[in-house]
Protein backbone atom coordinates (compact mmCIF):
# COMPACT_ATOMS: atom_id res chain seq x y z
CA MET A 1 0.06 0.09 0.00
CA ALA A 2 1.51 3.14 -0.91
CA VAL A 3 1.92 5.88 1.67
CA VAL A 4 2.61 9.51 1.05
CA PHE A 5 4.65 11.58 3.63
CA ALA A 6 4.01 15.15 3.21
CA LEU A 7 6.50 16.65 5.52
CA THR A 8 5.08 19.91 7.24
CA VAL A 9 2.63 22.13 5.50
CA PHE A 10 3.29 25.72 6.24
CA PHE A 11 0.26 27.98 6.48
CA SER A 12 -1.11 30.54 9.02
CA LEU A 13 -4.34 31.69 10.98
CA VAL A 14 -5.09 32.03 14.62
CA LEU A 15 -7.41 29.81 16.66
CA ALA A 16 -8.01 29.35 20.52
CA SER A 17 -8.33 25.94 22.09
CA CYS A 18 -6.15 23.30 23.73
CA SER A 19 -3.45 21.39 22.89
CA PHE A 20 -1.52 17.79 22.67
CA VAL A 21 2.02 18.46 24.32
CA VAL A 22 3.66 21.45 25.76
CA ASP A 23 7.19 22.19 24.70
CA ASP A 24 9.61 22.15 27.77
CA GLY A 25 11.60 24.87 25.77
CA THR A 26 14.74 22.80 26.00
CA SER A 27 14.42 21.25 22.01
CA GLU A 28 12.33 21.76 18.99
CA PRO A 29 8.72 20.46 19.53
CA ALA A 30 7.95 17.29 18.11
CA PRO A 31 6.10 17.41 14.97
CA LEU A 32 2.20 16.82 14.64
CA ARG A 33 1.75 13.78 12.37
CA VAL A 34 -1.50 13.62 10.81
CA SER A 35 -2.61 10.20 8.92
CA PHE A 36 -5.40 9.94 6.66
CA LEU A 37 -5.82 5.94 7.07
CA ASP A 38 -6.98 3.89 4.10
CA VAL A 39 -10.15 2.62 5.31
CA GLY A 40 -11.95 2.28 1.98
CA GLN A 41 -15.15 4.13 1.82
CA GLY A 42 -15.12 5.99 4.93
CA LEU A 43 -12.86 8.39 7.02
CA ALA A 44 -10.41 7.72 9.89
CA VAL A 45 -7.87 10.27 10.79
CA LEU A 46 -5.19 9.62 13.18
CA VAL A 47 -3.09 12.39 14.77
CA GLU A 48 -0.07 12.16 16.88
CA ASN A 49 2.25 14.25 18.92
CA GLY A 50 4.97 13.28 21.38
CA GLY A 51 4.10 9.48 21.18
CA ARG A 52 0.46 10.27 22.09
CA TYR A 53 -2.39 9.65 19.91
CA ALA A 54 -5.99 10.75 19.14
CA MET A 55 -8.60 10.02 16.31
CA TYR A 56 -10.87 12.02 13.98
CA ASP A 57 -13.69 9.48 12.88
CA THR A 58 -12.75 5.73 12.87
CA GLY A 59 -14.01 4.42 9.37
CA PRO A 60 -16.32 1.58 8.91
CA ASP A 61 -16.41 -1.21 11.20
CA SER A 62 -15.28 -3.59 8.40
CA ALA A 63 -12.20 -1.71 7.54
CA GLY A 64 -9.57 -3.11 10.19
CA VAL A 65 -8.86 0.20 12.00
CA VAL A 66 -7.50 -1.54 15.09
CA ASP A 67 -4.84 -3.37 13.06
CA SER A 68 -3.85 -0.27 11.43
CA LEU A 69 -3.41 1.30 14.86
CA VAL A 70 -1.57 -1.49 16.25
CA VAL A 71 0.83 -1.63 13.27
CA ARG A 72 1.84 1.87 14.38
CA GLY A 73 2.17 0.93 17.99
CA VAL A 74 -0.95 2.53 19.18
CA ASP A 75 -2.77 1.11 21.94
CA THR A 76 -4.27 4.16 23.67
CA LEU A 77 -6.26 6.99 22.25
CA GLU A 78 -6.50 10.19 24.22
CA TRP A 79 -9.73 11.07 22.70
CA VAL A 80 -11.80 10.17 19.59
CA VAL A 81 -14.13 12.80 17.88
CA MET A 82 -16.87 11.19 16.12
CA SER A 83 -17.98 13.64 13.25
CA HIS A 84 -21.34 12.55 12.89
CA ASN A 85 -23.25 9.10 13.17
CA HIS A 86 -23.00 7.29 9.97
CA ARG A 87 -21.46 3.95 9.67
CA ASP A 88 -18.35 4.74 7.52
CA HIS A 89 -17.21 7.31 9.77
CA ALA A 90 -18.29 5.87 13.24
CA GLY A 91 -18.36 2.10 12.59
CA GLY A 92 -14.84 1.51 13.31
CA PHE A 93 -15.39 2.68 17.22
CA MET A 94 -17.15 -0.74 17.49
CA GLU A 95 -13.82 -2.45 16.66
CA LEU A 96 -11.83 -0.12 18.98
CA ALA A 97 -14.15 -1.37 21.63
CA GLY A 98 -13.46 -4.96 20.76
CA ARG A 99 -16.78 -5.58 19.14
CA GLY A 100 -15.98 -5.61 15.28
CA PRO A 101 -14.77 -8.35 12.93
CA SER A 102 -11.08 -7.80 14.27
CA LYS A 103 -10.00 -10.29 17.08
CA THR A 104 -7.11 -7.79 18.00
CA ALA A 105 -7.29 -6.61 21.72
CA ARG A 106 -9.30 -3.57 21.77
CA VAL A 107 -7.55 0.11 21.83
CA ALA A 108 -8.18 1.97 24.84
CA VAL A 109 -10.20 5.14 24.33
CA LYS A 110 -9.85 7.49 27.14
CA HIS A 111 -12.38 10.30 25.90
CA LEU A 112 -15.11 10.35 23.30
CA TYR A 113 -16.55 13.38 21.61
CA VAL A 114 -19.56 13.42 19.47
CA GLY A 115 -21.74 16.15 17.81
CA PRO A 116 -25.27 17.64 19.23
CA ASP A 117 -27.26 15.17 16.94
CA THR A 118 -30.22 14.12 18.90
CA ALA A 119 -31.60 11.75 16.26
CA GLY A 120 -30.10 8.64 17.54
CA GLY A 121 -30.03 5.79 15.24
CA PHE A 122 -28.40 2.33 15.55
CA VAL A 123 -24.65 3.47 14.86
CA ARG A 124 -25.15 6.44 17.53
CA ASP A 125 -26.83 4.08 19.90
CA SER A 126 -24.13 1.39 19.60
CA VAL A 127 -21.36 3.75 19.94
CA LEU A 128 -22.72 5.48 23.10
CA GLY A 129 -23.77 2.02 24.57
CA LEU A 130 -20.12 0.84 24.15
CA ALA A 131 -18.79 3.96 25.63
CA ARG A 132 -20.94 3.45 28.75
CA ARG A 133 -19.99 -0.21 28.86
CA PHE A 134 -16.16 0.63 29.07
CA GLY A 135 -16.37 3.82 31.09
CA ILE A 136 -15.58 6.16 28.57
CA PRO A 137 -16.45 9.68 29.10
CA VAL A 138 -18.62 11.37 26.54
CA ASP A 139 -19.02 14.87 25.85
CA THR A 140 -20.87 16.88 23.07
CA LEU A 141 -19.07 19.34 20.65
CA VAL A 142 -20.53 22.36 19.50
CA ARG A 143 -18.83 25.66 17.95
CA GLY A 144 -16.74 27.20 20.44
CA SER A 145 -16.10 24.03 22.30
CA SER A 146 -12.55 23.30 23.88
CA LEU A 147 -11.39 19.95 22.84
CA GLY A 148 -9.26 18.01 25.37
CA GLN A 149 -5.65 17.40 24.64
CA ILE A 150 -3.03 14.72 25.06
CA SER A 151 -1.09 16.62 27.81
CA GLY A 152 -0.24 19.95 28.75
CA CYS A 153 -2.69 22.90 29.21
CA GLY A 154 -6.16 22.85 30.40
CA SER A 155 -8.39 19.82 30.80
CA ILE A 156 -10.59 17.51 29.28
CA ALA A 157 -13.48 19.95 29.55
CA GLY A 158 -11.05 23.05 28.23
CA GLY A 159 -9.05 25.32 29.95
CA ASP A 160 -6.44 28.00 29.86
CA CYS A 161 -3.73 27.31 27.19
CA ALA A 162 -1.98 30.46 27.91
CA GLY A 163 1.91 29.65 27.90
CA ALA A 164 1.36 26.51 26.03
CA GLY A 165 4.13 27.27 23.80
CA ASP A 166 4.78 25.36 20.53
CA ALA A 167 1.92 22.96 20.92
CA PRO A 168 -0.89 21.84 18.50
CA ARG A 169 -4.20 23.22 19.13
CA PHE A 170 -7.86 22.42 18.16
CA ASP A 171 -10.73 24.64 17.75
CA VAL A 172 -14.49 23.28 17.12
CA LEU A 173 -15.86 25.53 14.13
CA TRP A 174 -19.28 23.54 13.71
CA PRO A 175 -21.95 22.90 14.18
CA PRO A 176 -23.23 25.45 16.40
CA ASP A 177 -25.44 24.64 19.54
CA TYR A 178 -28.78 25.25 17.49
CA VAL A 179 -28.05 22.52 14.84
CA HIS A 180 -29.66 19.16 16.01
CA GLU A 181 -30.30 17.59 12.56
CA GLY A 182 -28.62 14.37 12.24
CA GLY A 183 -25.95 13.23 9.38
CA ASN A 184 -23.97 15.10 7.23
CA PRO A 185 -25.09 18.80 8.01
CA ALA A 186 -24.15 18.01 11.67
CA SER A 187 -20.59 16.90 10.88
CA VAL A 188 -18.30 18.40 13.72
CA VAL A 189 -15.49 20.48 11.76
CA LEU A 190 -12.20 20.80 13.56
CA ARG A 191 -9.42 23.41 12.78
CA VAL A 192 -6.01 22.30 13.91
CA GLU A 193 -3.30 24.51 14.35
CA PHE A 194 0.45 24.03 15.24
CA GLY A 195 2.89 26.81 14.62
CA ALA A 196 2.24 28.28 11.19
CA ALA A 197 0.38 25.22 9.94
CA SER A 198 -3.27 24.44 9.79
CA LEU A 199 -5.59 21.57 8.96
CA LEU A 200 -9.37 21.78 8.49
CA LEU A 201 -11.39 18.46 9.23
CA THR A 202 -14.95 18.65 7.58
CA GLY A 203 -16.28 15.19 7.98
CA ASP A 204 -19.34 15.00 5.65
CA LEU A 205 -20.63 18.59 5.91
CA ASP A 206 -22.83 19.44 2.98
CA SER A 207 -22.87 22.49 0.73
CA ALA A 208 -25.66 24.26 2.97
CA GLY A 209 -23.51 23.46 5.98
CA GLU A 210 -20.30 25.14 4.11
CA ARG A 211 -22.34 28.22 3.58
CA ARG A 212 -23.38 28.62 7.03
CA LEU A 213 -20.12 27.87 8.45
CA LEU A 214 -18.57 30.71 6.13
CA GLU A 215 -21.31 33.23 7.59
CA LEU A 216 -19.86 32.36 10.86
CA SER A 217 -16.23 32.22 9.96
CA PRO A 218 -15.68 34.51 7.19
CA THR A 219 -12.16 34.67 7.22
CA LEU A 220 -11.66 30.89 7.34
CA GLY A 221 -8.59 29.44 5.99
CA ALA A 222 -6.28 26.38 6.19
CA GLY A 223 -3.34 25.04 4.38
CA LEU A 224 -4.48 21.45 4.52
CA LEU A 225 -8.11 20.36 3.64
CA GLN A 226 -9.92 17.19 4.28
CA VAL A 227 -12.32 17.44 1.28
CA GLY A 228 -15.83 16.91 2.51
CA HIS A 229 -17.83 13.65 2.07
CA HIS A 230 -15.34 11.80 0.00
CA GLY A 231 -15.66 14.16 -2.81
CA SER A 232 -19.42 14.12 -3.28
CA ALA A 233 -21.02 16.66 -5.67
CA GLY A 234 -23.20 17.91 -2.51
CA SER A 235 -20.05 19.39 -0.86
CA SER A 236 -17.06 21.45 -1.66
CA THR A 237 -18.44 24.28 -3.41
CA LEU A 238 -16.18 26.66 -5.25
CA ARG A 239 -17.09 29.37 -2.93
CA PHE A 240 -15.96 27.35 0.23
CA LEU A 241 -12.83 25.95 -1.50
CA SER A 242 -11.60 29.26 -2.53
CA GLN A 243 -12.17 30.83 0.72
CA VAL A 244 -10.29 27.89 2.64
CA ALA A 245 -7.68 28.30 -0.04
CA PRO A 246 -5.77 25.04 0.89
CA ASP A 247 -2.28 24.49 -0.44
CA TYR A 248 -3.15 20.55 -0.11
CA ALA A 249 -6.11 18.62 -0.16
CA VAL A 250 -6.79 14.95 0.61
CA ILE A 251 -9.91 12.92 -0.16
CA SER A 252 -10.48 9.74 1.77
CA VAL A 253 -12.45 7.33 -0.67
CA GLY A 254 -12.91 3.58 -1.55
CA ALA A 255 -11.65 2.39 -4.74
CA GLY A 256 -14.58 1.33 -7.02
CA ASN A 257 -17.02 2.75 -4.61
CA GLY A 258 -20.83 2.65 -5.79
CA TYR A 259 -21.36 6.38 -5.05
CA GLY A 260 -18.97 7.75 -7.96
CA HIS A 261 -16.97 9.57 -5.41
CA PRO A 262 -14.99 11.51 -5.86
CA ARG A 263 -17.12 13.33 -8.53
CA GLU A 264 -15.18 14.83 -11.58
CA GLU A 265 -17.03 18.40 -10.93
CA VAL A 266 -15.12 18.33 -7.40
CA LEU A 267 -12.05 17.41 -8.86
CA ARG A 268 -12.07 20.24 -11.42
CA LYS A 269 -12.85 22.64 -8.56
CA LEU A 270 -10.18 21.19 -6.73
CA GLY A 271 -7.83 21.69 -9.81
CA LEU A 272 -8.72 25.28 -10.03
CA VAL A 273 -8.07 25.99 -6.44
CA LEU A 274 -4.88 24.10 -6.07
CA GLY A 275 -3.39 24.66 -9.42
CA ASP A 276 -1.12 21.66 -9.14
CA THR A 277 -2.19 17.78 -8.90
CA ALA A 278 0.98 17.13 -6.92
CA ARG A 279 -1.02 19.09 -3.92
CA PHE A 280 -3.84 16.58 -4.01
CA PHE A 281 -4.04 13.29 -2.61
CA ARG A 282 -6.79 10.39 -2.56
CA THR A 283 -6.61 7.33 -0.41
CA ASP A 284 -8.19 4.95 -3.22
CA ARG A 285 -4.99 5.64 -5.18
CA ASP A 286 -2.20 6.71 -2.86
CA GLY A 287 -3.13 4.79 0.01
CA THR A 288 -2.70 5.98 3.63
CA VAL A 289 -1.57 9.57 3.53
CA GLU A 290 0.51 11.19 6.05
CA PHE A 291 1.82 14.59 6.92
CA GLU A 292 3.90 16.08 9.41
CA LEU A 293 2.94 19.68 10.64
CA TRP A 294 6.27 21.35 12.08
CA PRO A 295 6.39 24.97 13.02
CA ASP A 296 8.21 27.29 10.68
CA ILE A 297 9.31 24.66 8.07
CA GLY A 298 7.40 24.28 4.75
CA VAL A 299 8.88 21.48 3.00
CA VAL A 300 6.59 18.82 1.30
CA THR A 301 8.02 15.35 -0.41
CA GLY A 302 6.87 13.72 -3.24
CA ARG A 303 4.92 10.47 -3.63
CA ASP A 304 6.66 7.22 -2.68
């Protein structure tokens, strides 16, 4: 399986939230590694800093996400964010909790974050049931929430990150607390910043959600973008892509999927915004795609 290493994406913008690791001032901070795991038609993003790990979505329950983590030496996740309650994003949590097809010992999860979706459903009910069974704390994320960190400033419920220094930080941009519809429109959107590098994780946010997000965050920008809804025509409007203005983009998508993802019109828009196909990656062709975000360095390797 091909793995693409994109070493440090160099961007800017300020956000407020909490961090993984606090630099002690005696050495350069460890890079933030972001891995878009190849889970087929789904999304699973692993983030690592200083030997500690967390996840944004867990892929489908048939994708072997536990095996992917174990290969990387991951036995504990400080937190998992479930962007929304669809199986291709949340099903892998059942495997993490030892209830999927994999026989590998479960990966311990210290904290689970979900959106404000009150619609319920099999996936959400199963995930929350497993969290209760294993005593995993669950909190709801809405715009402005503080996201728990691996170590360092603040607390799981948020806190003061003053003096955190060179540490990755996370901000919840969507949904606002008045959005309670289920599914794609309620996808939790995270913006991650480490030094001068930034990343936008959008889940399956649709075009209506993109429009409303830009109304709330008119100066929104990020250097690395997770393209929404696997490249569906219902997401990634040209206005949204142009405002975010990423230098690099990743589509997590399954080879030969029955949805026609990614759609050609989305690829054309990405071409207009990025201007260079070497800055665009998709897991169905590239396998797992990995980035390292490191402050004040902006070097990107080619594809392996």
